[in-house]
N, C-alpha and C. Protein backbone atom coordinates (compact mmCIF):
# COMPACT_ATOMS: atom_id res chain seq x y z
N MET A 1 0.81 -0.96 -0.05
CA MET A 1 0.36 0.06 -0.11
C MET A 1 0.75 1.19 0.21
N SER A 2 0.22 2.12 -0.83
CA SER A 2 1.25 3.49 -0.67
C SER A 2 1.22 4.01 0.66
N ALA A 3 2.03 4.83 0.53
CA ALA A 3 2.21 5.97 1.75
C ALA A 3 0.85 6.63 1.65
N LEU A 4 0.34 7.54 3.12
CA LEU A 4 -0.44 8.62 2.88
C LEU A 4 -0.34 9.91 3.80
N ASP A 5 -0.27 10.98 3.43
CA ASP A 5 0.27 12.06 3.83
C ASP A 5 -0.59 12.75 4.99
N GLN A 6 -0.69 13.39 5.98
CA GLN A 6 -1.43 13.79 7.02
C GLN A 6 -2.96 14.40 6.69
N SER A 7 -3.22 14.61 5.56
CA SER A 7 -4.61 14.53 5.23
C SER A 7 -5.45 13.70 4.82
N GLY A 8 -4.45 12.03 4.71
CA GLY A 8 -5.20 11.06 3.88
C GLY A 8 -4.89 10.46 2.97
N LEU A 9 -4.15 11.56 1.95
CA LEU A 9 -4.28 11.52 0.50
C LEU A 9 -2.71 10.65 0.49
N GLU A 10 -3.22 9.64 -0.97
CA GLU A 10 -1.96 8.69 -1.59
C GLU A 10 -0.74 9.48 -1.82
N VAL A 11 0.68 9.20 -1.48
CA VAL A 11 1.41 10.19 -1.68
C VAL A 11 1.99 9.46 -3.05
N LEU A 12 2.19 9.72 -4.26
CA LEU A 12 2.57 8.94 -5.39
C LEU A 12 3.80 9.20 -5.48
N ASP A 13 4.55 8.48 -6.10
CA ASP A 13 6.15 8.26 -6.18
C ASP A 13 6.29 8.70 -7.84
N ARG A 14 7.29 8.94 -8.03
CA ARG A 14 7.92 9.53 -9.08
C ARG A 14 7.43 8.91 -10.53
N ALA A 15 7.48 7.31 -10.58
CA ALA A 15 7.10 6.89 -11.70
C ALA A 15 5.70 6.80 -11.87
N GLU A 16 5.01 7.07 -10.70
CA GLU A 16 2.97 7.29 -11.03
C GLU A 16 3.14 8.50 -11.42
N CYS A 17 3.42 9.78 -10.35
CA CYS A 17 3.50 10.99 -11.04
C CYS A 17 3.85 11.16 -12.79
N LEU A 18 4.30 10.62 -13.32
CA LEU A 18 5.10 10.53 -14.73
C LEU A 18 4.20 10.29 -15.47
N ARG A 19 3.87 8.57 -15.12
CA ARG A 19 2.32 7.89 -15.97
C ARG A 19 1.01 8.95 -15.36
N LEU A 20 1.20 9.32 -14.85
CA LEU A 20 -0.30 10.10 -14.84
C LEU A 20 -0.14 11.08 -15.87
N LEU A 21 0.76 11.99 -15.74
CA LEU A 21 1.26 13.13 -16.28
C LEU A 21 0.67 12.86 -17.99
N SER A 22 1.53 11.62 -18.26
CA SER A 22 1.34 10.86 -20.06
C SER A 22 -0.13 11.14 -20.17
N THR A 23 -0.79 10.86 -19.05
CA THR A 23 -2.66 10.52 -19.57
C THR A 23 -3.14 11.66 -19.79
N ALA A 24 -2.56 12.82 -19.20
CA ALA A 24 -3.59 14.01 -19.54
C ALA A 24 -2.87 15.03 -20.64
N ARG A 25 -4.00 16.00 -20.83
CA ARG A 25 -3.53 16.74 -22.34
C ARG A 25 -3.09 18.40 -21.63
N TYR A 26 -4.42 18.63 -20.78
CA TYR A 26 -3.64 20.30 -19.90
C TYR A 26 -3.67 20.05 -18.70
N GLY A 27 -3.14 21.53 -18.57
CA GLY A 27 -2.32 21.22 -17.52
C GLY A 27 -2.23 22.99 -17.17
N ARG A 28 -1.80 23.57 -16.43
CA ARG A 28 -1.64 24.97 -15.64
C ARG A 28 0.21 25.24 -15.00
N VAL A 29 0.57 26.19 -16.04
CA VAL A 29 2.00 26.41 -16.05
C VAL A 29 1.75 27.88 -14.88
N VAL A 30 2.81 27.59 -13.60
CA VAL A 30 2.45 28.83 -12.81
C VAL A 30 3.80 29.76 -13.16
N TYR A 31 4.01 30.84 -12.68
CA TYR A 31 4.85 31.98 -13.60
C TYR A 31 4.95 32.85 -13.00
N THR A 32 6.12 33.97 -12.80
CA THR A 32 5.95 34.91 -11.88
C THR A 32 6.15 36.38 -13.09
N VAL A 33 5.18 37.37 -13.23
CA VAL A 33 4.94 38.36 -14.13
C VAL A 33 5.54 39.77 -12.57
N ASP A 34 5.94 40.62 -12.51
CA ASP A 34 6.07 41.60 -11.84
C ASP A 34 5.94 41.28 -10.10
N GLY A 35 7.10 39.91 -9.76
CA GLY A 35 6.85 39.79 -8.29
C GLY A 35 5.50 39.02 -8.19
N LEU A 36 4.82 38.95 -8.99
CA LEU A 36 3.25 38.22 -8.48
C LEU A 36 2.97 37.20 -9.66
N PRO A 37 2.54 35.82 -8.86
CA PRO A 37 2.27 34.59 -9.42
C PRO A 37 1.15 34.86 -10.35
N ALA A 38 1.30 34.13 -11.45
CA ALA A 38 0.17 33.82 -12.79
C ALA A 38 0.36 33.09 -13.55
N VAL A 39 -0.86 32.31 -13.96
CA VAL A 39 -1.29 30.71 -13.80
C VAL A 39 -1.96 31.01 -15.30
N GLN A 40 -1.64 30.28 -16.05
CA GLN A 40 -2.22 29.83 -17.59
C GLN A 40 -2.25 28.31 -17.81
N PRO A 41 -3.31 27.98 -18.09
CA PRO A 41 -3.84 26.81 -18.52
C PRO A 41 -2.96 26.58 -20.41
N VAL A 42 -2.78 25.24 -20.39
CA VAL A 42 -1.65 24.90 -21.33
C VAL A 42 -2.33 23.35 -22.11
N LYS A 43 -2.13 23.12 -23.12
CA LYS A 43 -2.04 21.95 -23.82
C LYS A 43 -0.83 21.86 -23.85
N PHE A 44 -0.45 20.17 -23.06
CA PHE A 44 0.97 19.57 -23.05
C PHE A 44 1.52 18.41 -23.51
N THR A 45 2.38 18.00 -23.29
CA THR A 45 3.09 16.73 -23.71
C THR A 45 4.20 16.78 -22.67
N VAL A 46 5.13 14.98 -22.44
CA VAL A 46 6.01 15.16 -21.50
C VAL A 46 6.70 14.01 -22.50
N ARG A 47 7.76 14.61 -22.32
CA ARG A 47 8.83 13.67 -23.43
C ARG A 47 10.10 13.87 -22.91
N ASP A 48 11.03 12.82 -22.40
CA ASP A 48 12.52 12.95 -21.85
C ASP A 48 12.21 13.96 -20.83
N ASP A 49 11.38 13.38 -19.50
CA ASP A 49 11.60 14.32 -18.55
C ASP A 49 11.77 16.17 -18.94
N THR A 50 10.74 16.36 -19.54
CA THR A 50 10.63 17.57 -19.74
C THR A 50 9.20 17.56 -19.80
N VAL A 51 8.61 18.83 -19.56
CA VAL A 51 6.73 18.96 -20.04
C VAL A 51 7.05 19.84 -21.07
N TRP A 52 6.07 19.85 -21.94
CA TRP A 52 6.66 20.69 -23.24
C TRP A 52 5.17 21.55 -23.69
N PHE A 53 5.29 22.58 -23.79
CA PHE A 53 3.80 23.39 -24.30
C PHE A 53 4.20 24.52 -24.78
N GLN A 54 3.22 25.38 -25.93
CA GLN A 54 3.24 26.38 -26.37
C GLN A 54 2.46 27.52 -26.24
N THR A 55 3.72 28.69 -26.40
CA THR A 55 2.93 30.03 -25.88
C THR A 55 3.00 31.06 -26.94
N ALA A 56 2.67 32.16 -27.06
CA ALA A 56 3.18 33.10 -28.24
C ALA A 56 4.32 33.51 -28.24
N VAL A 57 5.07 34.02 -28.66
CA VAL A 57 6.55 34.24 -28.74
C VAL A 57 6.17 35.69 -28.12
N ARG A 58 5.51 36.32 -28.30
CA ARG A 58 5.73 38.09 -27.14
C ARG A 58 4.89 37.88 -26.28
N SER A 59 4.58 37.00 -25.51
CA SER A 59 3.58 36.69 -24.13
C SER A 59 4.21 37.02 -23.25
N ALA A 60 3.61 37.29 -22.13
CA ALA A 60 4.25 37.33 -20.60
C ALA A 60 4.82 36.10 -20.17
N LEU A 61 4.17 34.64 -20.50
CA LEU A 61 4.59 33.83 -20.16
C LEU A 61 5.42 33.18 -20.90
N SER A 62 5.93 33.67 -22.24
CA SER A 62 7.32 33.42 -23.03
C SER A 62 8.71 34.21 -22.41
N ARG A 63 8.33 35.64 -22.01
CA ARG A 63 9.27 36.53 -21.22
C ARG A 63 9.85 35.47 -19.91
N ALA A 64 8.34 35.02 -19.54
CA ALA A 64 8.80 34.50 -18.03
C ALA A 64 9.63 33.16 -17.51
N ALA A 65 9.38 32.61 -19.06
CA ALA A 65 10.02 30.77 -18.74
C ALA A 65 11.03 31.23 -19.84
N ASP A 66 11.79 31.99 -19.75
CA ASP A 66 13.34 32.09 -20.68
C ASP A 66 14.04 31.79 -19.35
N GLY A 67 14.58 30.62 -19.63
CA GLY A 67 15.53 30.56 -18.53
C GLY A 67 14.77 30.76 -16.85
N GLY A 68 13.51 31.06 -16.57
CA GLY A 68 13.03 31.08 -15.07
C GLY A 68 12.19 29.77 -14.78
N VAL A 69 12.36 29.53 -13.32
CA VAL A 69 11.71 28.50 -12.61
C VAL A 69 10.47 28.39 -12.73
N VAL A 70 9.50 27.83 -13.17
CA VAL A 70 8.32 27.65 -12.99
C VAL A 70 7.99 26.20 -12.31
N ALA A 71 6.31 26.68 -12.01
CA ALA A 71 5.48 25.40 -11.88
C ALA A 71 4.59 25.18 -12.51
N PHE A 72 4.63 23.50 -12.53
CA PHE A 72 3.48 23.14 -13.35
C PHE A 72 2.64 21.75 -12.98
N GLU A 73 1.13 22.05 -12.98
CA GLU A 73 -0.01 21.07 -12.96
C GLU A 73 -0.30 20.76 -13.65
N ALA A 74 -1.19 19.53 -13.37
CA ALA A 74 -1.97 18.58 -14.26
C ALA A 74 -3.01 18.03 -13.18
N ASP A 75 -4.20 17.81 -13.71
CA ASP A 75 -4.94 16.49 -12.73
C ASP A 75 -5.75 15.89 -13.35
N ALA A 76 -6.58 15.00 -13.15
CA ALA A 76 -7.99 14.63 -13.18
C ALA A 76 -9.20 14.47 -12.17
N LEU A 77 -10.33 14.60 -12.00
CA LEU A 77 -10.95 14.48 -11.19
C LEU A 77 -12.42 13.60 -11.67
N SER A 78 -13.11 12.61 -10.78
CA SER A 78 -13.97 12.22 -11.48
C SER A 78 -15.06 12.01 -10.03
N GLU A 79 -16.10 11.42 -9.95
CA GLU A 79 -16.84 11.09 -9.03
C GLU A 79 -16.25 10.59 -7.83
N GLU A 80 -15.62 9.43 -8.19
CA GLU A 80 -14.69 8.46 -7.23
C GLU A 80 -13.52 8.99 -7.31
N ALA A 81 -12.88 9.62 -7.93
CA ALA A 81 -11.52 9.60 -7.42
C ALA A 81 -10.96 10.88 -8.01
N ALA A 82 -9.50 11.45 -7.71
CA ALA A 82 -9.13 12.63 -8.43
C ALA A 82 -7.64 12.23 -8.00
N TRP A 83 -6.83 12.96 -8.98
CA TRP A 83 -5.36 12.99 -8.94
C TRP A 83 -4.69 14.23 -9.28
N TRP A 84 -3.46 14.78 -9.14
CA TRP A 84 -2.84 15.99 -9.47
C TRP A 84 -1.36 15.74 -9.03
N VAL A 85 -0.81 16.52 -9.94
CA VAL A 85 0.83 16.36 -10.26
C VAL A 85 0.95 17.50 -10.20
N THR A 86 2.37 17.64 -9.12
CA THR A 86 2.41 19.00 -9.40
C THR A 86 4.30 19.04 -9.37
N VAL A 87 5.06 19.90 -10.94
CA VAL A 87 5.98 19.98 -11.13
C VAL A 87 6.95 21.01 -11.09
N LEU A 88 8.58 21.38 -10.62
CA LEU A 88 8.93 22.36 -10.50
C LEU A 88 10.36 22.22 -11.05
N GLY A 89 10.70 23.04 -12.10
CA GLY A 89 11.66 23.13 -13.13
C GLY A 89 12.35 24.15 -13.98
N ARG A 90 13.39 24.29 -14.14
CA ARG A 90 13.51 25.25 -15.02
C ARG A 90 13.08 25.47 -16.93
N ALA A 91 12.38 26.47 -17.15
CA ALA A 91 12.05 26.75 -18.80
C ALA A 91 13.10 27.30 -19.21
N MET A 92 12.67 26.60 -20.90
CA MET A 92 13.78 26.80 -21.93
C MET A 92 13.00 27.00 -22.73
N THR A 93 13.36 27.95 -23.83
CA THR A 93 12.32 28.27 -24.92
C THR A 93 12.94 27.91 -26.63
N THR A 94 12.32 27.31 -27.14
CA THR A 94 12.43 27.25 -28.65
C THR A 94 12.11 27.40 -29.63
N LEU A 95 12.03 27.67 -30.95
CA LEU A 95 11.36 27.55 -32.00
C LEU A 95 11.52 26.69 -32.98
N GLY A 96 12.59 25.67 -32.65
CA GLY A 96 12.86 24.70 -33.42
C GLY A 96 12.74 23.68 -32.85
N VAL A 97 11.79 23.13 -31.99
CA VAL A 97 12.01 21.79 -31.44
C VAL A 97 10.15 20.70 -32.10
N PRO A 98 10.61 20.01 -32.88
CA PRO A 98 9.90 18.99 -33.79
C PRO A 98 8.52 18.05 -32.71
N GLY A 99 7.85 18.25 -33.07
CA GLY A 99 6.63 17.62 -32.14
C GLY A 99 5.51 17.62 -32.24
N PRO A 100 4.67 17.43 -31.57
CA PRO A 100 2.90 17.45 -31.74
C PRO A 100 2.20 18.62 -31.71
N ASP A 101 1.54 19.05 -32.27
CA ASP A 101 0.98 20.04 -32.20
C ASP A 101 0.67 20.78 -30.94
N LEU A 102 0.61 21.52 -30.09
CA LEU A 102 0.27 21.83 -28.82
C LEU A 102 -0.37 23.17 -28.67
N SER A 103 -0.66 23.36 -29.36
CA SER A 103 -1.28 24.92 -29.84
C SER A 103 -3.05 24.71 -29.61
N TRP A 104 -3.76 25.74 -29.04
CA TRP A 104 -4.81 25.98 -28.43
C TRP A 104 -5.42 26.31 -29.38
N ARG A 105 -5.16 26.80 -30.43
CA ARG A 105 -5.31 27.16 -31.87
C ARG A 105 -5.38 25.82 -33.29
N PRO A 106 -6.66 25.98 -34.19
CA PRO A 106 -6.24 24.93 -34.98
C PRO A 106 -4.73 25.26 -36.23
N SER A 107 -5.01 26.49 -36.72
CA SER A 107 -4.10 27.09 -37.44
C SER A 107 -3.26 28.16 -36.57
N PRO A 108 -2.62 28.70 -35.85
CA PRO A 108 -2.12 29.75 -35.12
C PRO A 108 -1.92 30.86 -35.94
N ALA A 109 -2.76 32.10 -35.61
CA ALA A 109 -2.29 33.17 -36.31
C ALA A 109 -0.88 33.83 -35.98
N VAL A 110 -0.62 33.49 -34.52
CA VAL A 110 0.38 34.34 -34.24
C VAL A 110 1.61 33.08 -33.93
N ARG A 111 2.91 33.96 -34.18
CA ARG A 111 3.79 32.34 -33.95
C ARG A 111 4.18 32.20 -32.59
N GLU A 112 3.97 30.78 -32.53
CA GLU A 112 4.24 30.51 -31.71
C GLU A 112 5.39 29.94 -30.99
N LEU A 113 6.21 29.52 -30.05
CA LEU A 113 7.30 29.61 -28.82
C LEU A 113 7.00 28.02 -27.99
N ARG A 114 7.98 26.91 -28.69
CA ARG A 114 7.83 25.95 -27.90
C ARG A 114 8.75 26.33 -26.30
N VAL A 115 8.16 25.56 -24.90
CA VAL A 115 8.21 25.60 -23.87
C VAL A 115 9.01 24.10 -23.57
N GLY A 116 10.16 24.13 -22.55
CA GLY A 116 10.32 22.99 -22.27
C GLY A 116 10.67 23.32 -20.61
N VAL A 117 9.96 22.66 -19.93
CA VAL A 117 10.21 22.88 -18.17
C VAL A 117 10.80 21.33 -17.68
N SER A 118 11.85 21.20 -17.61
CA SER A 118 12.61 20.17 -16.97
C SER A 118 11.88 19.68 -15.83
N ILE A 119 11.68 18.37 -15.68
CA ILE A 119 10.98 17.86 -14.06
C ILE A 119 12.26 17.37 -13.42
N GLU A 120 12.57 18.89 -12.27
CA GLU A 120 13.77 18.52 -11.59
C GLU A 120 12.62 18.01 -10.25
N VAL A 121 11.56 18.20 -9.55
CA VAL A 121 11.05 18.45 -8.53
C VAL A 121 9.80 17.96 -9.58
N VAL A 122 8.82 16.37 -8.85
CA VAL A 122 7.55 15.85 -9.22
C VAL A 122 6.87 15.55 -7.41
N SER A 123 5.79 15.75 -7.58
CA SER A 123 5.19 15.60 -6.24
C SER A 123 3.57 15.17 -6.70
N GLY A 124 3.06 14.26 -6.23
CA GLY A 124 1.58 14.06 -6.65
C GLY A 124 0.69 13.37 -5.45
N ARG A 125 -0.66 13.50 -5.77
CA ARG A 125 -1.44 13.06 -4.60
C ARG A 125 -2.75 12.86 -5.04
N ARG A 126 -3.34 11.73 -4.74
CA ARG A 126 -4.49 10.84 -5.53
C ARG A 126 -5.41 10.61 -3.99
N PHE A 127 -6.79 10.90 -4.55
CA PHE A 127 -7.49 10.84 -3.62
C PHE A 127 -8.45 9.72 -4.08
N VAL A 128 -8.97 8.44 -3.16
CA VAL A 128 -9.95 8.17 -3.69
C VAL A 128 -10.80 7.52 -2.67
N GLY A 129 -11.96 8.01 -2.65
CA GLY A 129 -13.31 7.95 -2.00
C GLY A 129 -14.80 7.42 -2.33
């Protein structure tokens, strides 16, 4: 049986966190703008211990993510259970990384920048009730 935290939630190990992340399509990236936290929903994928998503080239997120430390969270909820995984890591930006389309728009009208967040710290919890 898995360990429980003080709230009675199942503590997920790294392997289970990464497995659950691979089942989700949408998450939230948390970054800093002018010293304050900002949250942006994103469509994402996980590849090679990195969370990848896209944003507009000149967005606040692209500026904050260029070498900055960010948090990323994804979850799933149902009537019977819930899980959530949080990643902390340094972000990097690139224009030329091939991979799946991660844009919100079917054909982006603005130039998209790919952002990768290295999975340096990962934690997760599951509630089954």
